[in-house]
Amino acid sequence: MKRIGLTLIVFILILSTAIIKNSAKKTEDEIFTFKENLRVLTSEFEKIKLEHDYLSSSERLLEFQLQFFEDELDPKNIENIKVFKTYNKDKKIQNLTITTE
């Protein structure tokens, strides 16, 4: 009787260990996937932030104008800008509409 009870306890312990190990492995896989996704998104964010910071500073844009365009840029009235749009096979030229939100 003691032998059957001891065998049953060992079997239950082995089974519970296997179940816990399996669930821990699934959790580790999910954590790894989230970390990889976060790493990729962080890298992409850093690239976009660098590009934004580099190109959006007014001093830097003025440097680009002087370096590449040499007074070739003329100010334009935004109301004179036209937009070319195609809907299916229909083509239209419309004024630029500015929306402020």
N, C-alpha and C. Protein backbone atom coordinates (compact mmCIF):
# COMPACT_ATOMS: atom_id res chain seq x y z
N MET A 1 0.81 -1.19 0.00
CA MET A 1 0.00 0.00 0.00
C MET A 1 0.87 1.26 0.00
N LYS A 2 1.96 1.23 0.83
CA LYS A 2 2.86 2.37 0.87
C LYS A 2 3.53 2.56 -0.49
N ARG A 3 3.84 1.45 -1.12
CA ARG A 3 4.52 1.51 -2.40
C ARG A 3 3.62 2.16 -3.45
N ILE A 4 2.35 1.83 -3.49
CA ILE A 4 1.41 2.40 -4.47
C ILE A 4 1.22 3.88 -4.17
N GLY A 5 1.10 4.27 -2.92
CA GLY A 5 0.96 5.68 -2.54
C GLY A 5 2.18 6.49 -2.93
N LEU A 6 3.37 5.95 -2.67
CA LEU A 6 4.62 6.63 -3.02
C LEU A 6 4.75 6.77 -4.54
N THR A 7 4.40 5.72 -5.27
CA THR A 7 4.46 5.77 -6.74
C THR A 7 3.48 6.80 -7.27
N LEU A 8 2.29 6.86 -6.69
CA LEU A 8 1.28 7.84 -7.12
C LEU A 8 1.75 9.26 -6.85
N ILE A 9 2.36 9.51 -5.72
CA ILE A 9 2.87 10.85 -5.39
C ILE A 9 3.99 11.25 -6.35
N VAL A 10 4.92 10.34 -6.65
CA VAL A 10 6.02 10.63 -7.59
C VAL A 10 5.46 10.91 -8.99
N PHE A 11 4.46 10.12 -9.41
CA PHE A 11 3.85 10.33 -10.72
C PHE A 11 3.17 11.70 -10.79
N ILE A 12 2.46 12.09 -9.75
CA ILE A 12 1.79 13.40 -9.71
C ILE A 12 2.82 14.53 -9.73
N LEU A 13 3.91 14.36 -9.01
CA LEU A 13 4.96 15.38 -9.01
C LEU A 13 5.61 15.52 -10.39
N ILE A 14 5.87 14.40 -11.03
CA ILE A 14 6.46 14.44 -12.39
C ILE A 14 5.50 15.11 -13.36
N LEU A 15 4.23 14.76 -13.29
CA LEU A 15 3.22 15.33 -14.19
C LEU A 15 3.08 16.83 -13.94
N SER A 16 3.01 17.25 -12.70
CA SER A 16 2.87 18.68 -12.41
C SER A 16 4.13 19.45 -12.83
N THR A 17 5.30 18.85 -12.68
CA THR A 17 6.53 19.49 -13.13
C THR A 17 6.52 19.68 -14.64
N ALA A 18 6.06 18.69 -15.38
CA ALA A 18 5.99 18.79 -16.83
C ALA A 18 5.02 19.89 -17.26
N ILE A 19 3.88 19.97 -16.59
CA ILE A 19 2.89 21.00 -16.94
C ILE A 19 3.44 22.40 -16.64
N ILE A 20 4.06 22.57 -15.49
CA ILE A 20 4.63 23.87 -15.12
C ILE A 20 5.75 24.26 -16.08
N LYS A 21 6.59 23.31 -16.43
CA LYS A 21 7.70 23.58 -17.34
C LYS A 21 7.18 23.99 -18.72
N ASN A 22 6.14 23.33 -19.19
CA ASN A 22 5.56 23.64 -20.50
C ASN A 22 4.96 25.05 -20.51
N SER A 23 4.23 25.40 -19.45
CA SER A 23 3.64 26.74 -19.40
C SER A 23 4.71 27.81 -19.26
N ALA A 24 5.78 27.52 -18.53
CA ALA A 24 6.88 28.48 -18.40
C ALA A 24 7.58 28.68 -19.74
N LYS A 25 7.73 27.62 -20.52
CA LYS A 25 8.35 27.73 -21.84
C LYS A 25 7.50 28.60 -22.77
N LYS A 26 6.17 28.42 -22.73
CA LYS A 26 5.29 29.25 -23.56
C LYS A 26 5.40 30.72 -23.16
N THR A 27 5.46 30.97 -21.86
CA THR A 27 5.58 32.34 -21.37
C THR A 27 6.91 32.95 -21.80
N GLU A 28 7.99 32.18 -21.72
CA GLU A 28 9.30 32.66 -22.17
C GLU A 28 9.28 32.97 -23.66
N ASP A 29 8.63 32.15 -24.46
CA ASP A 29 8.53 32.41 -25.90
C ASP A 29 7.77 33.70 -26.18
N GLU A 30 6.69 33.92 -25.45
CA GLU A 30 5.92 35.16 -25.62
C GLU A 30 6.76 36.38 -25.23
N ILE A 31 7.48 36.28 -24.14
CA ILE A 31 8.33 37.38 -23.70
C ILE A 31 9.41 37.66 -24.74
N PHE A 32 10.01 36.61 -25.28
CA PHE A 32 11.04 36.78 -26.30
C PHE A 32 10.46 37.48 -27.53
N THR A 33 9.26 37.07 -27.96
CA THR A 33 8.62 37.68 -29.12
C THR A 33 8.34 39.16 -28.88
N PHE A 34 7.83 39.48 -27.68
CA PHE A 34 7.56 40.88 -27.36
C PHE A 34 8.85 41.70 -27.33
N LYS A 35 9.91 41.14 -26.78
CA LYS A 35 11.18 41.85 -26.73
C LYS A 35 11.74 42.10 -28.13
N GLU A 36 11.62 41.11 -29.02
CA GLU A 36 12.09 41.29 -30.38
C GLU A 36 11.28 42.35 -31.11
N ASN A 37 9.97 42.32 -30.94
CA ASN A 37 9.13 43.35 -31.57
C ASN A 37 9.47 44.72 -31.02
N LEU A 38 9.68 44.81 -29.73
CA LEU A 38 10.04 46.08 -29.11
C LEU A 38 11.40 46.56 -29.61
N ARG A 39 12.33 45.65 -29.78
CA ARG A 39 13.66 46.03 -30.28
C ARG A 39 13.57 46.61 -31.69
N VAL A 40 12.78 45.95 -32.55
CA VAL A 40 12.62 46.43 -33.92
C VAL A 40 11.93 47.80 -33.94
N LEU A 41 10.87 47.94 -33.14
CA LEU A 41 10.15 49.21 -33.10
C LEU A 41 11.01 50.33 -32.52
N THR A 42 11.81 50.01 -31.52
CA THR A 42 12.70 51.01 -30.93
C THR A 42 13.74 51.46 -31.94
N SER A 43 14.28 50.53 -32.68
CA SER A 43 15.26 50.86 -33.71
C SER A 43 14.64 51.75 -34.78
N GLU A 44 13.45 51.41 -35.22
CA GLU A 44 12.75 52.20 -36.24
C GLU A 44 12.42 53.59 -35.69
N PHE A 45 12.00 53.65 -34.44
CA PHE A 45 11.70 54.95 -33.81
C PHE A 45 12.94 55.83 -33.76
N GLU A 46 14.07 55.24 -33.39
CA GLU A 46 15.31 56.02 -33.31
C GLU A 46 15.71 56.57 -34.69
N LYS A 47 15.54 55.75 -35.72
CA LYS A 47 15.86 56.22 -37.08
C LYS A 47 14.96 57.38 -37.49
N ILE A 48 13.67 57.23 -37.23
CA ILE A 48 12.73 58.27 -37.62
C ILE A 48 12.95 59.53 -36.80
N LYS A 49 13.23 59.37 -35.53
CA LYS A 49 13.49 60.53 -34.67
C LYS A 49 14.74 61.27 -35.13
N LEU A 50 15.78 60.53 -35.47
CA LEU A 50 17.00 61.15 -35.96
C LEU A 50 16.73 61.91 -37.25
N GLU A 51 16.00 61.30 -38.16
CA GLU A 51 15.67 61.95 -39.42
C GLU A 51 14.85 63.22 -39.17
N HIS A 52 13.88 63.13 -38.28
CA HIS A 52 13.06 64.30 -37.98
C HIS A 52 13.88 65.41 -37.35
N ASP A 53 14.70 65.06 -36.37
CA ASP A 53 15.52 66.07 -35.71
C ASP A 53 16.53 66.69 -36.67
N TYR A 54 17.07 65.87 -37.55
CA TYR A 54 18.09 66.34 -38.47
C TYR A 54 17.49 67.25 -39.53
N LEU A 55 16.34 66.88 -40.05
CA LEU A 55 15.76 67.64 -41.16
C LEU A 55 14.83 68.76 -40.74
N SER A 56 14.29 68.70 -39.54
CA SER A 56 13.28 69.68 -39.19
C SER A 56 13.83 70.94 -38.52
N SER A 57 15.08 70.93 -38.16
CA SER A 57 15.60 72.15 -37.54
C SER A 57 15.72 73.23 -38.61
N SER A 58 15.30 74.42 -38.28
CA SER A 58 15.29 75.50 -39.26
C SER A 58 16.70 75.88 -39.70
N GLU A 59 17.65 75.80 -38.77
CA GLU A 59 19.03 76.13 -39.14
C GLU A 59 19.56 75.14 -40.18
N ARG A 60 19.21 73.88 -39.97
CA ARG A 60 19.69 72.85 -40.89
C ARG A 60 19.05 73.03 -42.27
N LEU A 61 17.78 73.36 -42.30
CA LEU A 61 17.12 73.59 -43.59
C LEU A 61 17.71 74.81 -44.30
N LEU A 62 18.05 75.83 -43.55
CA LEU A 62 18.69 76.99 -44.18
C LEU A 62 20.07 76.61 -44.72
N GLU A 63 20.78 75.76 -44.00
CA GLU A 63 22.08 75.27 -44.51
C GLU A 63 21.90 74.53 -45.83
N PHE A 64 20.88 73.65 -45.89
CA PHE A 64 20.62 72.92 -47.13
C PHE A 64 20.28 73.87 -48.27
N GLN A 65 19.51 74.90 -47.97
CA GLN A 65 19.14 75.85 -49.02
C GLN A 65 20.38 76.53 -49.56
N LEU A 66 21.23 76.99 -48.67
CA LEU A 66 22.44 77.68 -49.12
C LEU A 66 23.40 76.73 -49.83
N GLN A 67 23.47 75.50 -49.35
CA GLN A 67 24.42 74.54 -49.90
C GLN A 67 23.98 74.02 -51.26
N PHE A 68 22.70 73.71 -51.43
CA PHE A 68 22.27 73.03 -52.64
C PHE A 68 21.52 73.93 -53.63
N PHE A 69 20.84 74.95 -53.16
CA PHE A 69 19.97 75.69 -54.06
C PHE A 69 20.47 77.08 -54.40
N GLU A 70 21.29 77.66 -53.59
CA GLU A 70 21.91 78.96 -53.86
C GLU A 70 20.90 79.98 -54.38
N ASP A 71 19.96 80.32 -53.57
CA ASP A 71 18.93 81.32 -53.87
C ASP A 71 18.03 80.94 -55.04
N GLU A 72 17.92 79.67 -55.34
CA GLU A 72 17.00 79.22 -56.39
C GLU A 72 15.59 79.01 -55.85
N LEU A 73 15.44 79.01 -54.55
CA LEU A 73 14.13 78.79 -53.95
C LEU A 73 13.39 80.11 -53.84
N ASP A 74 12.19 80.13 -54.36
CA ASP A 74 11.36 81.32 -54.27
C ASP A 74 10.15 81.02 -53.40
N PRO A 75 9.77 81.96 -52.58
CA PRO A 75 8.56 81.72 -51.77
C PRO A 75 7.32 81.69 -52.65
N LYS A 76 6.41 80.80 -52.36
CA LYS A 76 5.18 80.65 -53.13
C LYS A 76 3.99 80.86 -52.21
N ASN A 77 2.94 81.37 -52.77
CA ASN A 77 1.69 81.50 -52.04
C ASN A 77 1.02 80.13 -52.02
N ILE A 78 0.65 79.67 -50.85
CA ILE A 78 0.11 78.32 -50.71
C ILE A 78 -1.24 78.17 -51.42
N GLU A 79 -1.93 79.28 -51.63
CA GLU A 79 -3.21 79.21 -52.32
C GLU A 79 -3.06 78.92 -53.81
N ASN A 80 -1.87 79.12 -54.35
CA ASN A 80 -1.63 78.88 -55.77
C ASN A 80 -1.20 77.46 -56.08
N ILE A 81 -1.06 76.64 -55.07
CA ILE A 81 -0.61 75.26 -55.26
C ILE A 81 -1.78 74.41 -55.73
N LYS A 82 -1.56 73.65 -56.79
CA LYS A 82 -2.59 72.77 -57.35
C LYS A 82 -2.23 71.32 -57.04
N VAL A 83 -3.26 70.49 -56.95
CA VAL A 83 -3.08 69.07 -56.67
C VAL A 83 -3.70 68.28 -57.80
N PHE A 84 -2.95 67.32 -58.32
CA PHE A 84 -3.43 66.45 -59.39
C PHE A 84 -3.93 65.16 -58.76
N LYS A 85 -5.22 64.85 -58.96
CA LYS A 85 -5.81 63.65 -58.36
C LYS A 85 -6.44 62.81 -59.46
N THR A 86 -6.35 61.50 -59.25
CA THR A 86 -7.01 60.57 -60.16
C THR A 86 -7.98 59.71 -59.37
N TYR A 87 -9.20 59.63 -59.86
CA TYR A 87 -10.23 58.76 -59.30
C TYR A 87 -10.62 57.79 -60.40
N ASN A 88 -10.28 56.50 -60.19
CA ASN A 88 -10.46 55.49 -61.23
C ASN A 88 -9.74 55.97 -62.48
N LYS A 89 -10.47 56.36 -63.52
CA LYS A 89 -9.82 56.87 -64.74
C LYS A 89 -10.05 58.36 -64.92
N ASP A 90 -10.73 58.97 -63.98
CA ASP A 90 -11.03 60.39 -64.03
C ASP A 90 -9.87 61.17 -63.41
N LYS A 91 -9.40 62.19 -64.12
CA LYS A 91 -8.27 62.99 -63.63
C LYS A 91 -8.73 64.41 -63.39
N LYS A 92 -8.33 64.97 -62.26
CA LYS A 92 -8.74 66.33 -61.90
C LYS A 92 -7.56 67.09 -61.32
N ILE A 93 -7.57 68.39 -61.57
CA ILE A 93 -6.62 69.29 -60.94
C ILE A 93 -7.42 70.19 -60.02
N GLN A 94 -7.06 70.15 -58.74
CA GLN A 94 -7.81 70.90 -57.74
C GLN A 94 -6.86 71.80 -56.95
N ASN A 95 -7.44 72.80 -56.29
CA ASN A 95 -6.65 73.62 -55.38
C ASN A 95 -6.30 72.82 -54.15
N LEU A 96 -5.18 73.15 -53.56
CA LEU A 96 -4.75 72.49 -52.33
C LEU A 96 -5.67 72.94 -51.21
N THR A 97 -6.21 71.99 -50.48
CA THR A 97 -7.05 72.34 -49.33
C THR A 97 -6.26 72.08 -48.06
N ILE A 98 -6.30 73.06 -47.20
CA ILE A 98 -5.55 72.98 -45.94
C ILE A 98 -6.56 72.79 -44.82
N THR A 99 -6.36 71.73 -44.05
CA THR A 99 -7.24 71.47 -42.92
C THR A 99 -6.45 71.65 -41.65
N THR A 100 -7.02 72.34 -40.71
CA THR A 100 -6.39 72.51 -39.40
C THR A 100 -7.23 71.78 -38.39
N GLU A 101 -6.57 70.97 -37.62
CA GLU A 101 -7.29 70.17 -36.62
C GLU A 101 -6.84 70.51 -35.24
